[in-house]
Amino acid sequence: METYSIITFVLAFVTVINILLAAVVVFIERRDIGSTWAWLLILFFIPIVGFIVYLFLGRQLKQKNFYNLSAEERDHLKSAVNEQISKLKEGDDYQKNDVLNKHSKLLLMNLTSSNSLISTDNNIDILSDGHKKFATLFRDIKEAKKEINIQYYIIQRDSLGEKLRDELTKKAKEGVKVRILYDEIGSRRMSSSFFKELISYGGEVEVFFPSTLKLVNFRINNRNHRKLCIIDGEVAFIGGFNFGDEYLGLNKKFGYWRDTHFRIIGGAVDDIQARFILDWHQATKQKRVQIEQFEYRAEKHSGTSPVQIVASGPNSQTEHLKNMYIKLIMSAKESVFIQTPYFIPDSSFMDACKIALLSGVDVRIMIPNKPDHPFVYWATWAYAGELLKYGANILLYENGFMHAKMIVVDQEVASVGTTNIDPRSFRLNFEVNAVVYDENTAKELHELFIQDSQLSSELTIETYRDRSFVIKLKEAVSRLLSPIL
């Protein structure tokens, strides 16, 4: 009788918990309908396991004031955004730039949804090779005079990671303020002890969404995927390269690592710095961050490239970066060139690509021809194969691993950053991209794509139709799992 009572109590307790969680999912979190039904099914059909899965993967972040900014800080940001919106609607100086004028609706959307300010005085260098990227970065680090702020999803405990630590330690010894922010899951082998000497000289190291007792991480699904470096408030790096030997092509599994990074000098550096400050603010928790602690560049530069820094994450009310991609594709008149390691779009993104293709736009998508995640690889094949039927040109990069996250439209506007074309980047991870309204930069990226095409094979409709039953099965299973990959 006693055993029966215990079982009854446990079942009743689990039922109550499930009902409460169901109420949270339906009435408070207000997810999309498909996601809501998926979690309800999990909670009710596998109640105990479903509850545990929900704790790790299901909980949404708060969207209101996620970064705990003061009212004064929020008002300051909003006033700057409203000022630029007013100038844009009035015409002002933006009409003098043909590309900005042509894409003013994209500019306005990014301002309105993501508070992405526009700066027009930028110089941009494109870094598409790991050796050149890191050589350039270390050169700028050695020349730092005031502060170095670094944020990476992955920092490896290998020779490149050690070189980063040692160079930053030297600068800390010289009195330069050094801050490092890395992601707990992306840099799973990292620990603060790795930076012991740097910290002893005043360097600061923080972890984004750290695990509890290094064992449990309730935010395993919400990672900070951004890669940023800001030096003296004068120069900034943003793009796809993480920090590790594999990004120098030293991993035999991947071979040459093809990625894209921007080095920017100009007003956009302030916006990249602001993005770092927000993430630093969140990671430091109770330690109040004063904006005055960060050096800001005040003078103008001689660059002429307009840039917006667009960020998105699970704290966002809308999928800013996905919407930005879709808006870019829908604005295309001639061509859309995309490079991405993962191509797992949702229906809205697929529809945008199909509409562009049916309208006669030249849509080319370059993906790697070697997997780093098998399910992701075969899901990518499934979606890319579907677009073949509409006339897309699907290119398989053969010269190593394609990790660049780039889109260029009509050789006049482009975006480079950390965002993959998949649900994780669009909804779950914290991401950031630089949108450039400049023909010279767009044409250079367009030409890089053409050069990479010479190192790629083409996935034709005939080849895709003749794929084996095993591959079709892998695609079917992977596509079914794609919403959670």
Protein backbone atom coordinates (compact mmCIF):
# COMPACT_ATOMS: atom_id res chain seq x y z
CA MET A 1 0.00 0.00 0.00
CA GLU A 2 2.85 2.36 0.91
CA THR A 3 4.62 1.69 -2.42
CA TYR A 4 1.38 2.36 -4.28
CA SER A 5 1.02 5.71 -2.48
CA ILE A 6 4.56 6.74 -3.38
CA ILE A 7 4.02 5.86 -7.05
CA THR A 8 0.73 7.77 -7.05
CA PHE A 9 2.40 10.80 -5.47
CA VAL A 10 5.26 10.76 -8.00
CA LEU A 11 2.88 10.50 -10.94
CA ALA A 12 0.74 13.31 -9.57
CA PHE A 13 3.83 15.47 -9.00
CA VAL A 14 5.12 14.85 -12.55
CA THR A 15 1.68 15.61 -13.98
CA VAL A 16 1.52 18.93 -12.13
CA ILE A 17 5.05 19.87 -13.28
CA ASN A 18 4.12 19.01 -16.87
CA ILE A 19 0.97 21.13 -16.69
CA LEU A 20 2.91 24.07 -15.28
CA LEU A 21 5.61 23.75 -17.94
CA ALA A 22 2.97 23.45 -20.65
CA ALA A 23 1.39 26.66 -19.38
CA VAL A 24 4.79 28.39 -19.50
CA VAL A 25 5.44 27.18 -23.06
CA VAL A 26 1.98 28.13 -24.35
CA PHE A 27 1.07 31.31 -22.48
CA ILE A 28 4.31 32.93 -21.31
CA GLU A 29 7.11 32.06 -23.72
CA ARG A 30 4.87 32.49 -26.78
CA ARG A 31 6.98 30.36 -29.13
CA ASP A 32 6.08 29.71 -32.74
CA ILE A 33 3.29 27.13 -33.14
CA GLY A 34 5.52 24.32 -34.42
CA SER A 35 7.97 24.68 -31.53
CA THR A 36 5.14 24.89 -29.01
CA TRP A 37 3.55 21.62 -30.16
CA ALA A 38 6.95 19.90 -30.23
CA TRP A 39 7.63 20.76 -26.58
CA LEU A 40 4.12 19.83 -25.50
CA LEU A 41 4.52 16.40 -27.08
CA ILE A 42 7.90 15.92 -25.41
CA LEU A 43 6.58 16.95 -22.00
CA PHE A 44 3.53 14.71 -22.08
CA PHE A 45 4.87 11.61 -23.82
CA ILE A 46 8.23 11.43 -22.01
CA PRO A 47 7.41 13.38 -18.82
CA ILE A 48 10.53 12.90 -16.68
CA VAL A 49 13.09 12.85 -19.48
CA GLY A 50 11.16 15.64 -21.23
CA PHE A 51 11.43 17.83 -18.14
CA ILE A 52 15.22 17.33 -18.02
CA VAL A 53 15.55 18.02 -21.76
CA TYR A 54 13.49 21.18 -21.34
CA LEU A 55 15.77 22.43 -18.53
CA PHE A 56 18.83 22.13 -20.78
CA LEU A 57 17.45 22.93 -24.22
CA GLY A 58 14.00 24.42 -23.94
CA ARG A 59 14.07 27.45 -21.70
CA GLN A 60 13.95 30.77 -23.47
CA LEU A 61 15.92 33.81 -22.44
CA LYS A 62 14.23 36.93 -21.20
CA GLN A 63 13.91 39.47 -24.00
CA LYS A 64 13.35 42.60 -21.94
CA ASN A 65 16.59 44.31 -20.93
CA PHE A 66 18.66 41.13 -21.17
CA TYR A 67 21.86 43.14 -20.70
CA ASN A 68 20.56 44.92 -17.58
CA LEU A 69 21.22 48.37 -18.97
CA SER A 70 20.22 51.40 -16.96
CA ALA A 71 17.37 53.60 -18.15
CA GLU A 72 19.93 56.27 -19.05
CA GLU A 73 21.92 53.84 -21.19
CA ARG A 74 18.81 52.59 -22.98
CA ASP A 75 17.61 56.13 -23.65
CA HIS A 76 21.03 57.13 -25.03
CA LEU A 77 21.01 54.21 -27.49
CA LYS A 78 17.42 54.85 -28.51
CA SER A 79 18.01 58.55 -29.12
CA ALA A 80 20.95 57.78 -31.43
CA VAL A 81 18.83 55.28 -33.38
CA ASN A 82 15.87 57.67 -33.63
CA GLU A 83 18.16 60.45 -34.87
CA GLN A 84 19.44 58.26 -37.70
CA ILE A 85 15.92 57.07 -38.57
CA SER A 86 14.79 60.70 -38.87
CA LYS A 87 17.74 61.57 -41.09
CA LEU A 88 17.06 58.55 -43.28
CA LYS A 89 13.40 59.44 -43.73
CA GLU A 90 14.27 63.05 -44.46
CA GLY A 91 16.79 62.02 -47.12
CA ASP A 92 19.68 63.99 -45.63
CA ASP A 93 23.19 62.87 -46.59
CA TYR A 94 22.28 59.25 -47.31
CA GLN A 95 20.79 60.15 -50.70
CA LYS A 96 24.25 61.23 -51.82
CA ASN A 97 25.39 57.61 -51.71
CA ASP A 98 23.82 55.60 -54.52
CA VAL A 99 24.14 52.22 -52.76
CA LEU A 100 22.76 53.52 -49.46
CA ASN A 101 19.91 55.22 -51.28
CA LYS A 102 19.08 52.07 -53.23
CA HIS A 103 19.10 49.91 -50.10
CA SER A 104 17.57 52.46 -47.74
CA LYS A 105 14.79 50.03 -46.75
CA LEU A 106 17.35 47.46 -45.59
CA LEU A 107 19.17 50.21 -43.71
CA LEU A 108 15.90 51.28 -42.05
CA MET A 109 14.94 47.70 -41.16
CA ASN A 110 18.29 47.11 -39.43
CA LEU A 111 17.96 50.38 -37.54
CA THR A 112 14.41 49.68 -36.44
CA SER A 113 14.71 46.02 -35.48
CA SER A 114 18.30 45.69 -34.28
CA ASN A 115 19.27 49.28 -33.31
CA SER A 116 22.05 48.99 -35.89
CA LEU A 117 23.59 52.42 -36.38
CA ILE A 118 25.11 53.34 -39.75
CA SER A 119 28.60 54.81 -40.05
CA THR A 120 29.95 56.04 -43.38
CA ASP A 121 33.66 56.66 -42.75
CA ASN A 122 35.07 53.13 -42.77
CA ASN A 123 38.07 51.49 -44.40
CA ILE A 124 37.70 47.72 -44.83
CA ASP A 125 40.32 45.05 -45.43
CA ILE A 126 39.10 41.57 -46.37
CA LEU A 127 41.05 38.70 -44.79
CA SER A 128 40.27 35.34 -46.39
CA ASP A 129 43.33 33.34 -45.30
CA GLY A 130 44.09 32.27 -41.75
CA HIS A 131 47.81 33.02 -41.88
CA LYS A 132 47.16 36.56 -43.12
CA LYS A 133 44.31 37.14 -40.68
CA PHE A 134 46.26 36.14 -37.59
CA ALA A 135 49.46 37.86 -38.74
CA THR A 136 47.48 41.08 -39.18
CA LEU A 137 45.74 40.68 -35.84
CA PHE A 138 48.98 40.03 -33.94
CA ARG A 139 50.60 43.02 -35.63
CA ASP A 140 47.77 45.26 -34.43
CA ILE A 141 47.93 43.73 -30.93
CA LYS A 142 51.65 44.52 -30.71
CA GLU A 143 50.91 48.15 -31.63
CA ALA A 144 48.16 48.56 -29.00
CA LYS A 145 48.58 51.51 -26.63
CA LYS A 146 45.42 51.59 -24.47
CA GLU A 147 43.22 48.50 -24.53
CA ILE A 148 42.54 45.20 -26.28
CA ASN A 149 39.07 43.63 -26.13
CA ILE A 150 38.79 40.10 -27.50
CA GLN A 151 35.69 37.91 -27.81
CA TYR A 152 35.74 34.48 -29.47
CA TYR A 153 33.42 31.50 -29.50
CA ILE A 154 36.42 29.15 -29.61
CA ILE A 155 39.87 29.71 -28.13
CA GLN A 156 41.88 26.49 -28.24
CA ARG A 157 44.62 25.42 -25.84
CA ASP A 158 47.07 24.90 -28.69
CA SER A 159 50.00 26.75 -30.23
CA LEU A 160 47.87 29.56 -31.69
CA GLY A 161 45.93 29.94 -28.43
CA GLU A 162 49.20 30.05 -26.51
CA LYS A 163 50.58 32.71 -28.84
CA LEU A 164 47.47 34.82 -28.28
CA ARG A 165 47.83 34.46 -24.51
CA ASP A 166 51.54 35.28 -24.57
CA GLU A 167 51.14 38.35 -26.79
CA LEU A 168 48.32 39.66 -24.61
CA THR A 169 50.37 39.03 -21.47
CA LYS A 170 53.19 41.15 -22.91
CA LYS A 171 50.76 44.00 -23.55
CA ALA A 172 49.32 43.69 -20.03
CA LYS A 173 52.86 43.99 -18.64
CA GLU A 174 53.19 47.24 -20.64
CA GLY A 175 50.05 48.61 -18.95
CA VAL A 176 47.58 47.97 -21.77
CA LYS A 177 44.11 47.00 -20.54
CA VAL A 178 43.33 43.48 -21.79
CA ARG A 179 39.92 41.81 -21.68
CA ILE A 180 39.07 38.34 -22.97
CA LEU A 181 35.57 36.88 -23.28
CA TYR A 182 35.12 33.32 -24.50
CA ASP A 183 32.18 30.95 -24.73
CA GLU A 184 32.05 28.11 -22.20
CA ILE A 185 30.85 25.43 -24.63
CA GLY A 186 32.77 26.56 -27.71
CA SER A 187 35.98 26.77 -25.65
CA ARG A 188 35.18 23.71 -23.56
CA ARG A 189 38.86 22.87 -22.97
CA MET A 190 39.68 26.37 -21.78
CA SER A 191 39.99 27.51 -18.16
CA SER A 192 41.05 30.67 -16.37
CA SER A 193 44.26 28.94 -15.27
CA PHE A 194 45.41 29.10 -18.91
CA PHE A 195 45.51 32.90 -18.51
CA LYS A 196 47.01 32.89 -14.99
CA GLU A 197 50.00 35.10 -15.82
CA LEU A 198 47.89 37.49 -17.91
CA ILE A 199 45.46 37.90 -15.01
CA SER A 200 48.37 38.50 -12.60
CA TYR A 201 49.29 41.58 -14.68
CA GLY A 202 45.76 42.99 -14.58
CA GLY A 203 44.21 41.21 -17.56
CA GLU A 204 40.56 40.24 -17.19
CA VAL A 205 39.02 36.99 -18.42
CA GLU A 206 35.29 36.24 -18.40
CA VAL A 207 33.21 33.29 -19.56
CA PHE A 208 29.88 33.57 -21.35
CA PHE A 209 27.11 31.45 -19.76
CA PRO A 210 29.50 29.35 -17.64
CA SER A 211 28.60 25.86 -16.43
CA THR A 212 27.54 25.15 -12.87
CA LEU A 213 30.44 23.47 -11.08
CA LYS A 214 31.92 22.79 -14.54
CA LEU A 215 29.46 19.90 -14.88
CA VAL A 216 26.04 21.23 -15.84
CA ASN A 217 25.21 23.99 -18.32
CA PHE A 218 21.55 24.95 -18.48
CA ARG A 219 22.26 27.23 -21.46
CA ILE A 220 23.94 24.63 -23.64
CA ASN A 221 21.65 25.63 -26.52
CA ASN A 222 22.32 29.39 -26.28
CA ARG A 223 25.93 30.09 -27.07
CA ASN A 224 27.84 33.26 -27.90
CA HIS A 225 29.10 32.53 -31.41
CA ARG A 226 30.56 36.01 -32.00
CA LYS A 227 34.21 36.64 -32.97
CA LEU A 228 35.34 40.18 -32.28
CA CYS A 229 38.53 42.02 -31.49
CA ILE A 230 38.75 45.77 -30.81
CA ILE A 231 42.11 47.45 -30.33
CA ASP A 232 42.44 50.97 -28.86
CA GLY A 233 38.94 51.74 -30.14
CA GLU A 234 40.60 52.34 -33.50
CA VAL A 235 40.60 49.02 -35.33
CA ALA A 236 38.22 46.08 -35.13
CA PHE A 237 38.05 42.54 -36.49
CA ILE A 238 34.80 40.69 -37.20
CA GLY A 239 34.10 37.49 -39.11
CA GLY A 240 34.23 33.71 -39.07
CA PHE A 241 37.73 32.78 -37.83
CA ASN A 242 38.00 31.39 -34.30
CA PHE A 243 41.30 30.91 -32.47
CA GLY A 244 42.96 27.53 -32.99
CA ASP A 245 45.49 25.70 -35.12
CA GLU A 246 42.79 24.29 -37.41
CA TYR A 247 42.08 27.84 -38.62
CA LEU A 248 45.62 27.89 -39.96
CA GLY A 249 44.93 24.71 -41.93
CA LEU A 250 46.89 22.51 -39.50
CA ASN A 251 44.10 19.98 -38.91
CA LYS A 252 44.50 17.04 -41.31
CA LYS A 253 40.78 16.28 -41.18
CA PHE A 254 39.81 19.66 -42.64
CA GLY A 255 42.95 20.72 -44.49
CA TYR A 256 43.01 24.31 -45.72
CA TRP A 257 40.55 26.47 -43.79
CA ARG A 258 38.71 28.96 -46.00
CA ASP A 259 37.07 31.73 -44.01
CA THR A 260 36.34 35.45 -44.25
CA HIS A 261 37.06 38.21 -41.76
CA PHE A 262 36.89 42.02 -41.93
CA ARG A 263 39.45 44.41 -40.49
CA ILE A 264 37.69 47.75 -40.05
CA ILE A 265 38.92 51.24 -39.25
CA GLY A 266 36.21 53.88 -38.88
CA GLY A 267 32.94 54.61 -37.13
CA ALA A 268 31.84 50.97 -37.18
CA VAL A 269 34.57 50.25 -34.63
CA ASP A 270 32.49 52.07 -32.01
CA ASP A 271 29.51 49.86 -32.85
CA ILE A 272 31.60 46.68 -32.61
CA GLN A 273 33.02 47.95 -29.32
CA ALA A 274 29.47 48.59 -28.07
CA ARG A 275 28.54 45.00 -28.94
CA PHE A 276 31.53 43.74 -26.95
CA ILE A 277 30.63 45.96 -23.99
CA LEU A 278 27.09 44.55 -23.90
CA ASP A 279 28.33 40.95 -23.85
CA TRP A 280 31.02 41.84 -21.31
CA HIS A 281 28.35 43.56 -19.21
CA GLN A 282 26.27 40.38 -19.24
CA ALA A 283 29.20 38.06 -18.46
CA THR A 284 30.44 40.08 -15.48
CA LYS A 285 27.07 39.66 -13.71
CA GLN A 286 27.06 41.63 -10.46
CA LYS A 287 30.18 43.62 -11.28
CA ARG A 288 28.76 46.84 -12.66
CA VAL A 289 30.44 47.88 -15.91
CA GLN A 290 31.01 51.57 -16.39
CA ILE A 291 31.13 52.70 -20.01
CA GLU A 292 33.88 55.14 -19.03
CA GLN A 293 36.18 52.16 -18.40
CA PHE A 294 36.35 51.60 -22.16
CA GLU A 295 38.34 53.88 -24.42
CA TYR A 296 36.31 55.34 -27.29
CA ARG A 297 37.59 56.80 -30.53
CA ALA A 298 36.20 60.28 -31.12
CA GLU A 299 37.81 61.58 -34.30
CA LYS A 300 36.56 60.77 -37.79
CA HIS A 301 38.44 58.68 -40.31
CA SER A 302 38.91 59.11 -44.04
CA GLY A 303 37.16 55.91 -45.12
CA THR A 304 34.13 56.00 -47.36
CA SER A 305 32.45 52.61 -46.80
CA PRO A 306 29.06 52.67 -45.03
CA VAL A 307 28.72 49.85 -42.48
CA GLN A 308 26.02 48.59 -40.13
CA ILE A 309 26.78 46.11 -37.33
CA VAL A 310 23.73 43.85 -37.00
CA ALA A 311 23.41 41.54 -34.00
CA SER A 312 20.83 38.97 -33.04
CA GLY A 313 20.33 36.33 -30.39
CA PRO A 314 17.83 34.30 -28.36
CA ASN A 315 17.08 37.47 -26.40
CA SER A 316 15.88 39.22 -29.59
CA GLN A 317 12.19 39.71 -30.28
CA THR A 318 12.70 38.97 -33.97
CA GLU A 319 15.28 37.03 -35.96
CA HIS A 320 17.15 40.15 -37.07
CA LEU A 321 19.91 38.44 -39.01
CA LYS A 322 17.64 36.01 -40.84
CA ASN A 323 15.38 38.91 -41.81
CA MET A 324 18.42 40.84 -42.99
CA TYR A 325 19.48 37.93 -45.22
CA ILE A 326 15.96 37.60 -46.64
CA LYS A 327 15.71 41.33 -47.31
CA LEU A 328 19.05 41.22 -49.14
CA ILE A 329 17.93 38.29 -51.30
CA MET A 330 14.59 39.90 -52.11
CA SER A 331 16.34 43.13 -53.14
CA ALA A 332 18.56 41.38 -55.69
CA LYS A 333 18.16 42.30 -59.34
CA GLU A 334 21.05 40.34 -60.83
CA SER A 335 22.93 38.05 -58.44
CA VAL A 336 23.07 36.54 -54.96
CA PHE A 337 26.31 34.78 -53.98
CA ILE A 338 26.33 32.92 -50.66
CA GLN A 339 29.10 31.08 -48.85
CA THR A 340 28.15 29.10 -45.76
CA PRO A 341 29.39 25.94 -44.01
CA TYR A 342 25.80 24.95 -43.17
CA PHE A 343 22.71 25.54 -45.28
CA ILE A 344 19.64 24.59 -43.23
CA PRO A 345 17.16 27.40 -43.94
CA ASP A 346 13.58 27.63 -42.76
CA SER A 347 10.64 27.95 -45.15
CA SER A 348 10.78 31.76 -45.29
CA PHE A 349 14.44 31.73 -46.33
CA MET A 350 13.82 28.98 -48.88
CA ASP A 351 10.88 30.93 -50.31
CA ALA A 352 13.07 34.03 -50.70
CA CYS A 353 15.65 31.99 -52.64
CA LYS A 354 12.98 30.41 -54.82
CA ILE A 355 11.35 33.75 -55.59
CA ALA A 356 14.73 35.21 -56.56
CA LEU A 357 15.46 32.23 -58.81
CA LEU A 358 12.03 32.37 -60.46
CA SER A 359 12.63 36.08 -61.07
CA GLY A 360 15.80 35.35 -63.04
CA VAL A 361 18.32 36.22 -60.32
CA ASP A 362 21.61 34.31 -60.47
CA VAL A 363 21.69 32.52 -57.11
CA ARG A 364 24.92 30.68 -56.26
CA ILE A 365 25.48 28.88 -52.97
CA MET A 366 28.87 27.49 -51.98
CA ILE A 367 29.07 24.84 -49.27
CA PRO A 368 31.92 22.56 -48.11
CA ASN A 369 32.25 19.11 -49.68
CA LYS A 370 33.38 17.57 -46.41
CA PRO A 371 31.36 17.34 -43.20
CA ASP A 372 32.33 18.48 -39.75
CA HIS A 373 28.88 17.45 -38.49
CA PRO A 374 27.40 14.54 -40.54
CA PHE A 375 23.70 15.30 -39.87
CA VAL A 376 24.24 18.98 -40.68
CA TYR A 377 26.10 18.04 -43.86
CA TRP A 378 23.32 15.82 -45.20
CA ALA A 379 20.60 18.27 -44.20
CA THR A 380 22.54 20.90 -46.16
CA TRP A 381 22.52 18.60 -49.19
CA ALA A 382 18.76 18.15 -48.88
CA TYR A 383 17.98 21.88 -48.91
CA ALA A 384 20.58 22.70 -51.56
CA GLY A 385 19.23 19.88 -53.73
CA GLU A 386 15.73 21.34 -53.53
CA LEU A 387 16.96 24.68 -54.87
CA LEU A 388 18.60 22.92 -57.83
CA LYS A 389 15.11 22.35 -59.21
CA TYR A 390 14.63 26.12 -59.36
CA GLY A 391 17.92 26.77 -61.14
CA ALA A 392 20.30 27.51 -58.27
CA ASN A 393 24.01 26.95 -58.83
CA ILE A 394 25.27 24.78 -55.95
CA LEU A 395 29.05 24.65 -55.59
CA LEU A 396 30.95 22.16 -53.41
CA TYR A 397 34.22 23.61 -52.11
CA GLU A 398 36.98 21.02 -52.55
CA ASN A 399 40.11 22.84 -51.33
CA GLY A 400 39.67 22.10 -47.62
CA PHE A 401 36.81 23.36 -45.47
CA MET A 402 34.54 26.28 -46.38
CA HIS A 403 33.66 28.14 -43.17
CA ALA A 404 32.97 31.65 -44.52
CA LYS A 405 29.64 33.29 -43.70
CA MET A 406 29.20 35.69 -46.59
CA ILE A 407 26.48 37.01 -48.86
CA VAL A 408 26.98 39.55 -51.65
CA VAL A 409 24.12 40.96 -53.72
CA ASP A 410 24.41 42.61 -57.14
CA GLN A 411 28.11 43.35 -56.45
CA GLU A 412 27.12 46.39 -54.38
CA VAL A 413 26.05 45.33 -50.87
CA ALA A 414 27.44 42.47 -48.77
CA SER A 415 27.45 40.94 -45.32
CA VAL A 416 30.23 39.09 -43.50
CA GLY A 417 30.09 37.83 -39.93
CA THR A 418 29.46 34.87 -37.69
CA THR A 419 25.99 33.82 -38.86
CA ASN A 420 25.44 30.43 -40.44
CA ILE A 421 22.29 29.77 -42.41
CA ASP A 422 20.65 27.45 -39.92
CA PRO A 423 18.17 27.56 -37.01
CA ARG A 424 20.95 27.67 -34.44
CA SER A 425 22.41 30.93 -35.79
CA PHE A 426 19.02 32.48 -36.53
CA ARG A 427 17.29 31.66 -33.23
CA LEU A 428 19.56 30.11 -30.59
CA ASN A 429 23.05 31.62 -30.75
CA PHE A 430 24.29 35.17 -30.20
CA GLU A 431 25.58 36.29 -33.61
CA VAL A 432 26.83 39.46 -35.30
CA ASN A 433 27.41 40.53 -38.92
CA ALA A 434 28.81 43.59 -40.65
CA VAL A 435 26.66 44.82 -43.54
CA VAL A 436 28.65 46.87 -46.04
CA TYR A 437 26.99 49.22 -48.55
CA ASP A 438 30.02 49.63 -50.78
CA GLU A 439 30.60 48.49 -54.36
CA ASN A 440 34.37 48.08 -54.02
CA THR A 441 34.07 45.74 -51.03
CA ALA A 442 31.15 43.86 -52.61
CA LYS A 443 33.03 43.40 -55.87
CA GLU A 444 36.11 42.12 -54.03
CA LEU A 445 33.97 39.56 -52.19
CA HIS A 446 32.26 38.67 -55.47
CA GLU A 447 35.66 38.07 -57.06
CA LEU A 448 36.77 35.93 -54.09
CA PHE A 449 33.69 33.80 -54.69
CA ILE A 450 34.61 33.40 -58.35
CA GLN A 451 38.15 32.36 -57.36
CA ASP A 452 36.77 29.83 -54.87
CA SER A 453 34.53 28.50 -57.63
CA GLN A 454 37.65 27.39 -59.50
CA LEU A 455 38.42 25.18 -56.49
CA SER A 456 34.90 23.76 -56.32
CA SER A 457 32.83 21.15 -58.10
CA GLU A 458 29.26 21.73 -59.20
CA LEU A 459 26.35 19.77 -57.80
CA THR A 460 24.15 19.30 -60.87
CA ILE A 461 20.53 18.28 -60.95
CA GLU A 462 21.54 15.07 -62.74
CA THR A 463 24.10 14.16 -60.08
CA TYR A 464 21.62 14.92 -57.33
CA ARG A 465 18.90 12.77 -58.88
CA ASP A 466 21.31 9.85 -59.24
CA ARG A 467 22.43 9.84 -55.60
CA SER A 468 22.21 6.49 -53.85
CA PHE A 469 19.39 5.27 -51.64
CA VAL A 470 21.69 5.49 -48.61
CA ILE A 471 22.33 9.19 -49.26
CA LYS A 472 18.61 9.81 -49.75
CA LEU A 473 17.96 8.11 -46.43
CA LYS A 474 20.63 10.19 -44.69
CA GLU A 475 19.11 13.36 -46.16
CA ALA A 476 15.59 12.42 -45.09
CA VAL A 477 16.62 11.71 -41.50
CA SER A 478 18.82 14.81 -41.31
CA ARG A 479 16.13 17.08 -42.73
CA LEU A 480 13.67 15.75 -40.17
CA LEU A 481 16.16 16.65 -37.44
CA SER A 482 17.15 19.98 -39.03
CA PRO A 483 15.08 22.23 -36.68
CA ILE A 484 17.22 21.09 -33.74
CA LEU A 485 20.64 20.75 -35.44
